[in-house]
Amino acid sequence: MADKRITVEGIVAELKDGMTIGIGGWATRRKPMALVRAIARSGLKDLTIVSYGGPDVGLLAAAGKIRKLVFAFVTLDHYPLEPHFRAARQAGAFEVLEMDEGMFHWGLRAAAMRLPFLPSRIGVGT
């Protein structure tokens, strides 16, 4: 059986400019921050980041790695808006696709099932 373990540096070496990267976790919890820090240190650029945002989005925004951000929110819990994200967004540093949490979640579910969409009443009236 092949050894499937890989280092963080090995993961980053497989990534390419312009890729779409989904980052797991919720706001400040359960984020793969070692990987996010490695991406921030790398030469990668023009990334599309999909995330329930927190410090991951802030760090990548501060490092200038984001071309497009797909998100429902970007928070540090006690600080309603992650400050690096806020500064980059106000400066127009990247393109955004913001949606409510339910639509974001349903979109991720559809993608996981390889469907173009899932019918839902989520978002009606928002």
N, C-alpha and C. Protein backbone atom coordinates (compact mmCIF):
# COMPACT_ATOMS: atom_id res chain seq x y z
N MET A 1 0.84 -1.18 0.00
CA MET A 1 0.00 0.00 0.00
C MET A 1 0.89 1.25 0.00
N ALA A 2 0.56 2.21 -0.82
CA ALA A 2 1.34 3.44 -0.93
C ALA A 2 1.11 4.34 0.28
N ASP A 3 2.16 5.02 0.69
CA ASP A 3 2.07 5.98 1.78
C ASP A 3 1.42 7.26 1.23
N LYS A 4 0.30 7.65 1.77
CA LYS A 4 -0.44 8.80 1.26
C LYS A 4 -0.17 10.08 2.04
N ARG A 5 0.74 10.02 3.00
CA ARG A 5 1.05 11.22 3.77
C ARG A 5 1.88 12.18 2.92
N ILE A 6 1.70 13.47 3.18
CA ILE A 6 2.43 14.51 2.46
C ILE A 6 2.65 15.69 3.40
N THR A 7 3.73 16.39 3.21
CA THR A 7 4.01 17.57 4.03
C THR A 7 3.20 18.76 3.53
N VAL A 8 3.12 19.78 4.35
CA VAL A 8 2.45 21.01 3.96
C VAL A 8 3.16 21.60 2.74
N GLU A 9 4.47 21.58 2.75
CA GLU A 9 5.24 22.11 1.62
C GLU A 9 4.96 21.29 0.35
N GLY A 10 4.76 19.99 0.51
CA GLY A 10 4.43 19.13 -0.62
C GLY A 10 3.07 19.48 -1.22
N ILE A 11 2.12 19.82 -0.35
CA ILE A 11 0.79 20.23 -0.83
C ILE A 11 0.91 21.53 -1.62
N VAL A 12 1.60 22.50 -1.07
CA VAL A 12 1.73 23.80 -1.73
C VAL A 12 2.45 23.65 -3.07
N ALA A 13 3.39 22.73 -3.15
CA ALA A 13 4.11 22.51 -4.41
C ALA A 13 3.19 21.99 -5.51
N GLU A 14 2.09 21.35 -5.13
CA GLU A 14 1.12 20.84 -6.11
C GLU A 14 0.15 21.92 -6.59
N LEU A 15 0.07 23.03 -5.89
CA LEU A 15 -0.86 24.10 -6.24
C LEU A 15 -0.29 24.98 -7.34
N LYS A 16 -1.18 25.60 -8.11
CA LYS A 16 -0.78 26.45 -9.24
C LYS A 16 -1.48 27.80 -9.15
N ASP A 17 -0.87 28.81 -9.76
CA ASP A 17 -1.50 30.13 -9.84
C ASP A 17 -2.88 30.00 -10.48
N GLY A 18 -3.83 30.77 -9.98
CA GLY A 18 -5.16 30.82 -10.56
C GLY A 18 -6.10 29.71 -10.11
N MET A 19 -5.64 28.80 -9.26
CA MET A 19 -6.50 27.70 -8.80
C MET A 19 -7.61 28.20 -7.88
N THR A 20 -8.66 27.40 -7.78
CA THR A 20 -9.71 27.60 -6.79
C THR A 20 -9.39 26.69 -5.62
N ILE A 21 -9.32 27.26 -4.43
CA ILE A 21 -8.97 26.51 -3.22
C ILE A 21 -10.08 26.69 -2.20
N GLY A 22 -10.67 25.60 -1.77
CA GLY A 22 -11.67 25.61 -0.71
C GLY A 22 -10.97 25.39 0.62
N ILE A 23 -11.26 26.23 1.59
CA ILE A 23 -10.64 26.12 2.91
C ILE A 23 -11.72 25.76 3.91
N GLY A 24 -11.54 24.66 4.59
CA GLY A 24 -12.52 24.18 5.56
C GLY A 24 -12.51 24.97 6.85
N GLY A 25 -13.38 24.58 7.74
CA GLY A 25 -13.51 25.25 9.02
C GLY A 25 -14.62 26.28 8.99
N TRP A 26 -14.82 26.91 10.13
CA TRP A 26 -15.90 27.87 10.29
C TRP A 26 -15.36 29.07 11.06
N ALA A 27 -15.30 30.22 10.41
CA ALA A 27 -14.81 31.46 11.03
C ALA A 27 -13.42 31.22 11.61
N THR A 28 -13.30 31.20 12.93
CA THR A 28 -11.98 31.03 13.56
C THR A 28 -11.70 29.59 13.97
N ARG A 29 -12.60 28.69 13.69
CA ARG A 29 -12.46 27.32 14.19
C ARG A 29 -12.11 26.32 13.10
N ARG A 30 -11.23 25.39 13.46
CA ARG A 30 -10.87 24.23 12.63
C ARG A 30 -10.32 24.61 11.26
N LYS A 31 -9.53 25.66 11.20
CA LYS A 31 -8.91 26.11 9.96
C LYS A 31 -7.55 25.42 9.80
N PRO A 32 -7.18 25.04 8.58
CA PRO A 32 -5.85 24.44 8.34
C PRO A 32 -4.79 25.55 8.23
N MET A 33 -4.52 26.22 9.35
CA MET A 33 -3.70 27.42 9.32
C MET A 33 -2.24 27.15 8.93
N ALA A 34 -1.71 25.97 9.21
CA ALA A 34 -0.35 25.67 8.75
C ALA A 34 -0.30 25.72 7.23
N LEU A 35 -1.32 25.17 6.58
CA LEU A 35 -1.40 25.20 5.12
C LEU A 35 -1.62 26.63 4.62
N VAL A 36 -2.49 27.37 5.27
CA VAL A 36 -2.75 28.76 4.87
C VAL A 36 -1.48 29.59 4.98
N ARG A 37 -0.73 29.43 6.07
CA ARG A 37 0.53 30.17 6.22
C ARG A 37 1.53 29.78 5.14
N ALA A 38 1.57 28.51 4.79
CA ALA A 38 2.49 28.06 3.73
C ALA A 38 2.09 28.66 2.38
N ILE A 39 0.79 28.76 2.11
CA ILE A 39 0.33 29.39 0.87
C ILE A 39 0.70 30.88 0.88
N ALA A 40 0.53 31.54 2.02
CA ALA A 40 0.86 32.96 2.14
C ALA A 40 2.36 33.20 1.88
N ARG A 41 3.21 32.27 2.31
CA ARG A 41 4.66 32.40 2.11
C ARG A 41 5.09 32.04 0.69
N SER A 42 4.24 31.34 -0.04
CA SER A 42 4.61 30.83 -1.36
C SER A 42 4.54 31.92 -2.43
N GLY A 43 4.92 31.55 -3.62
CA GLY A 43 4.83 32.46 -4.76
C GLY A 43 3.49 32.40 -5.48
N LEU A 44 2.55 31.66 -4.94
CA LEU A 44 1.23 31.54 -5.58
C LEU A 44 0.54 32.88 -5.66
N LYS A 45 -0.28 33.05 -6.73
CA LYS A 45 -1.04 34.30 -6.88
C LYS A 45 -2.32 34.03 -7.65
N ASP A 46 -3.19 35.03 -7.66
CA ASP A 46 -4.45 34.99 -8.41
C ASP A 46 -5.35 33.82 -8.02
N LEU A 47 -5.43 33.52 -6.73
CA LEU A 47 -6.24 32.40 -6.26
C LEU A 47 -7.69 32.79 -6.07
N THR A 48 -8.58 31.84 -6.33
CA THR A 48 -9.97 31.98 -5.94
C THR A 48 -10.12 31.18 -4.65
N ILE A 49 -10.53 31.85 -3.59
CA ILE A 49 -10.66 31.23 -2.27
C ILE A 49 -12.14 31.09 -1.95
N VAL A 50 -12.53 29.90 -1.53
CA VAL A 50 -13.91 29.61 -1.11
C VAL A 50 -13.83 29.25 0.36
N SER A 51 -14.50 30.05 1.22
CA SER A 51 -14.32 29.83 2.65
C SER A 51 -15.43 30.49 3.46
N TYR A 52 -15.82 29.82 4.56
CA TYR A 52 -16.51 30.51 5.64
C TYR A 52 -15.37 31.21 6.35
N GLY A 53 -15.15 32.47 6.06
CA GLY A 53 -13.90 33.14 6.34
C GLY A 53 -13.63 33.49 7.77
N GLY A 54 -12.34 33.54 8.05
CA GLY A 54 -11.80 33.93 9.34
C GLY A 54 -10.36 34.38 9.13
N PRO A 55 -9.46 33.97 10.00
CA PRO A 55 -8.07 34.39 9.88
C PRO A 55 -7.41 33.89 8.59
N ASP A 56 -7.92 32.82 8.02
CA ASP A 56 -7.38 32.30 6.76
C ASP A 56 -7.52 33.32 5.64
N VAL A 57 -8.71 33.87 5.50
CA VAL A 57 -8.97 34.87 4.46
C VAL A 57 -8.17 36.14 4.74
N GLY A 58 -8.13 36.56 6.00
CA GLY A 58 -7.37 37.76 6.35
C GLY A 58 -5.90 37.63 6.01
N LEU A 59 -5.31 36.49 6.34
CA LEU A 59 -3.89 36.28 6.06
C LEU A 59 -3.61 36.25 4.56
N LEU A 60 -4.46 35.57 3.81
CA LEU A 60 -4.26 35.50 2.36
C LEU A 60 -4.54 36.85 1.69
N ALA A 61 -5.49 37.61 2.22
CA ALA A 61 -5.76 38.96 1.70
C ALA A 61 -4.56 39.87 1.97
N ALA A 62 -4.03 39.81 3.18
CA ALA A 62 -2.87 40.64 3.53
C ALA A 62 -1.65 40.29 2.68
N ALA A 63 -1.53 39.02 2.30
CA ALA A 63 -0.40 38.57 1.49
C ALA A 63 -0.62 38.82 0.00
N GLY A 64 -1.80 39.30 -0.38
CA GLY A 64 -2.09 39.60 -1.78
C GLY A 64 -2.26 38.37 -2.67
N LYS A 65 -2.72 37.28 -2.10
CA LYS A 65 -2.86 36.02 -2.84
C LYS A 65 -4.21 35.85 -3.53
N ILE A 66 -5.20 36.64 -3.14
CA ILE A 66 -6.58 36.42 -3.59
C ILE A 66 -6.90 37.25 -4.83
N ARG A 67 -7.45 36.57 -5.85
CA ARG A 67 -8.01 37.25 -7.02
C ARG A 67 -9.51 37.37 -6.86
N LYS A 68 -10.14 36.28 -6.33
CA LYS A 68 -11.58 36.26 -6.12
C LYS A 68 -11.87 35.53 -4.82
N LEU A 69 -12.82 36.04 -4.06
CA LEU A 69 -13.23 35.42 -2.81
C LEU A 69 -14.70 35.08 -2.87
N VAL A 70 -15.03 33.81 -2.62
CA VAL A 70 -16.41 33.34 -2.54
C VAL A 70 -16.65 33.03 -1.06
N PHE A 71 -17.63 33.72 -0.45
CA PHE A 71 -17.76 33.62 1.00
C PHE A 71 -19.17 33.97 1.47
N ALA A 72 -19.45 33.60 2.72
CA ALA A 72 -20.69 33.99 3.37
C ALA A 72 -20.41 35.06 4.42
N PHE A 73 -19.25 35.01 5.03
CA PHE A 73 -18.82 36.01 6.01
C PHE A 73 -17.32 35.85 6.22
N VAL A 74 -16.70 36.87 6.81
CA VAL A 74 -15.29 36.80 7.21
C VAL A 74 -15.19 37.50 8.56
N THR A 75 -15.03 36.71 9.61
CA THR A 75 -15.09 37.24 10.96
C THR A 75 -14.02 36.63 11.86
N LEU A 76 -13.70 37.33 12.91
CA LEU A 76 -12.85 36.79 13.98
C LEU A 76 -13.68 36.64 15.25
N ASP A 77 -14.95 36.37 15.11
CA ASP A 77 -15.90 36.21 16.21
C ASP A 77 -16.09 37.50 17.01
N HIS A 78 -15.16 37.83 17.90
CA HIS A 78 -15.30 39.03 18.72
C HIS A 78 -15.10 40.30 17.90
N TYR A 79 -14.42 40.18 16.78
CA TYR A 79 -14.25 41.29 15.83
C TYR A 79 -15.13 40.96 14.63
N PRO A 80 -16.21 41.70 14.44
CA PRO A 80 -17.18 41.32 13.40
C PRO A 80 -16.60 41.15 12.00
N LEU A 81 -15.63 41.98 11.62
CA LEU A 81 -14.98 41.83 10.32
C LEU A 81 -13.48 41.63 10.54
N GLU A 82 -12.93 40.62 9.89
CA GLU A 82 -11.48 40.39 9.96
C GLU A 82 -10.81 41.64 9.37
N PRO A 83 -9.89 42.28 10.10
CA PRO A 83 -9.37 43.58 9.67
C PRO A 83 -8.59 43.59 8.35
N HIS A 84 -7.81 42.55 8.05
CA HIS A 84 -7.08 42.51 6.78
C HIS A 84 -8.05 42.32 5.61
N PHE A 85 -9.06 41.50 5.80
CA PHE A 85 -10.11 41.33 4.79
C PHE A 85 -10.81 42.65 4.55
N ARG A 86 -11.17 43.32 5.63
CA ARG A 86 -11.89 44.58 5.50
C ARG A 86 -11.08 45.61 4.70
N ALA A 87 -9.81 45.73 5.02
CA ALA A 87 -8.95 46.70 4.32
C ALA A 87 -8.83 46.34 2.84
N ALA A 88 -8.63 45.07 2.54
CA ALA A 88 -8.49 44.64 1.14
C ALA A 88 -9.80 44.83 0.39
N ARG A 89 -10.91 44.53 1.04
CA ARG A 89 -12.21 44.69 0.38
C ARG A 89 -12.51 46.15 0.12
N GLN A 90 -12.22 47.00 1.07
CA GLN A 90 -12.46 48.44 0.89
C GLN A 90 -11.56 49.01 -0.20
N ALA A 91 -10.37 48.44 -0.36
CA ALA A 91 -9.44 48.89 -1.40
C ALA A 91 -9.77 48.30 -2.76
N GLY A 92 -10.73 47.37 -2.81
CA GLY A 92 -11.08 46.71 -4.07
C GLY A 92 -9.97 45.81 -4.58
N ALA A 93 -9.25 45.17 -3.65
CA ALA A 93 -8.08 44.36 -3.99
C ALA A 93 -8.43 43.07 -4.71
N PHE A 94 -9.67 42.60 -4.58
CA PHE A 94 -10.07 41.36 -5.24
C PHE A 94 -11.57 41.38 -5.52
N GLU A 95 -11.96 40.49 -6.43
CA GLU A 95 -13.37 40.31 -6.78
C GLU A 95 -14.05 39.50 -5.68
N VAL A 96 -15.33 39.76 -5.43
CA VAL A 96 -16.04 39.01 -4.39
C VAL A 96 -17.35 38.44 -4.92
N LEU A 97 -17.71 37.29 -4.37
CA LEU A 97 -19.04 36.72 -4.54
C LEU A 97 -19.51 36.40 -3.13
N GLU A 98 -20.35 37.28 -2.60
CA GLU A 98 -20.84 37.12 -1.23
C GLU A 98 -22.27 36.62 -1.27
N MET A 99 -22.57 35.65 -0.42
CA MET A 99 -23.94 35.12 -0.33
C MET A 99 -24.26 34.79 1.12
N ASP A 100 -25.53 34.57 1.39
CA ASP A 100 -25.87 34.23 2.77
C ASP A 100 -25.39 32.82 3.09
N GLU A 101 -25.33 32.52 4.37
CA GLU A 101 -24.75 31.25 4.82
C GLU A 101 -25.47 30.04 4.24
N GLY A 102 -26.78 30.09 4.18
CA GLY A 102 -27.54 28.95 3.66
C GLY A 102 -27.25 28.69 2.19
N MET A 103 -27.21 29.75 1.39
CA MET A 103 -26.93 29.58 -0.04
C MET A 103 -25.50 29.09 -0.25
N PHE A 104 -24.57 29.60 0.54
CA PHE A 104 -23.18 29.16 0.46
C PHE A 104 -23.08 27.66 0.77
N HIS A 105 -23.72 27.26 1.87
CA HIS A 105 -23.72 25.85 2.27
C HIS A 105 -24.36 24.97 1.20
N TRP A 106 -25.48 25.39 0.68
CA TRP A 106 -26.18 24.59 -0.34
C TRP A 106 -25.35 24.50 -1.61
N GLY A 107 -24.65 25.57 -1.95
CA GLY A 107 -23.75 25.54 -3.11
C GLY A 107 -22.62 24.55 -2.93
N LEU A 108 -22.07 24.48 -1.73
CA LEU A 108 -21.01 23.50 -1.44
C LEU A 108 -21.56 22.07 -1.52
N ARG A 109 -22.78 21.89 -1.01
CA ARG A 109 -23.40 20.55 -1.09
C ARG A 109 -23.61 20.14 -2.54
N ALA A 110 -24.10 21.05 -3.37
CA ALA A 110 -24.31 20.76 -4.79
C ALA A 110 -22.99 20.40 -5.45
N ALA A 111 -21.95 21.18 -5.16
CA ALA A 111 -20.63 20.90 -5.75
C ALA A 111 -20.12 19.53 -5.32
N ALA A 112 -20.32 19.18 -4.06
CA ALA A 112 -19.86 17.87 -3.57
C ALA A 112 -20.58 16.73 -4.28
N MET A 113 -21.81 16.98 -4.71
CA MET A 113 -22.58 15.96 -5.44
C MET A 113 -22.42 16.10 -6.95
N ARG A 114 -21.54 17.01 -7.38
CA ARG A 114 -21.28 17.27 -8.80
C ARG A 114 -22.54 17.69 -9.55
N LEU A 115 -23.34 18.53 -8.88
CA LEU A 115 -24.55 19.07 -9.47
C LEU A 115 -24.38 20.56 -9.72
N PRO A 116 -25.01 21.12 -10.76
CA PRO A 116 -24.88 22.55 -11.00
C PRO A 116 -25.63 23.40 -9.98
N PHE A 117 -26.64 22.82 -9.31
CA PHE A 117 -27.40 23.52 -8.28
C PHE A 117 -28.25 22.51 -7.53
N LEU A 118 -28.78 22.93 -6.40
CA LEU A 118 -29.77 22.16 -5.65
C LEU A 118 -30.95 23.09 -5.39
N PRO A 119 -32.15 22.69 -5.74
CA PRO A 119 -33.30 23.55 -5.46
C PRO A 119 -33.45 23.74 -3.95
N SER A 120 -33.74 24.95 -3.57
CA SER A 120 -33.88 25.25 -2.15
C SER A 120 -34.67 26.54 -1.97
N ARG A 121 -35.32 26.66 -0.84
CA ARG A 121 -35.99 27.92 -0.51
C ARG A 121 -35.05 28.86 0.24
N ILE A 122 -33.85 28.38 0.51
CA ILE A 122 -32.86 29.22 1.19
C ILE A 122 -32.60 30.45 0.34
N GLY A 123 -32.55 31.59 0.94
CA GLY A 123 -32.27 32.82 0.21
C GLY A 123 -33.50 33.55 -0.27
N VAL A 124 -34.67 32.92 -0.19
CA VAL A 124 -35.89 33.58 -0.64
C VAL A 124 -36.13 34.80 0.28
N GLY A 125 -36.26 35.93 -0.32
CA GLY A 125 -36.51 37.14 0.46
C GLY A 125 -35.29 37.78 1.05
N THR A 126 -34.10 37.27 0.74
CA THR A 126 -32.89 37.91 1.30
C THR A 126 -32.36 38.96 0.38
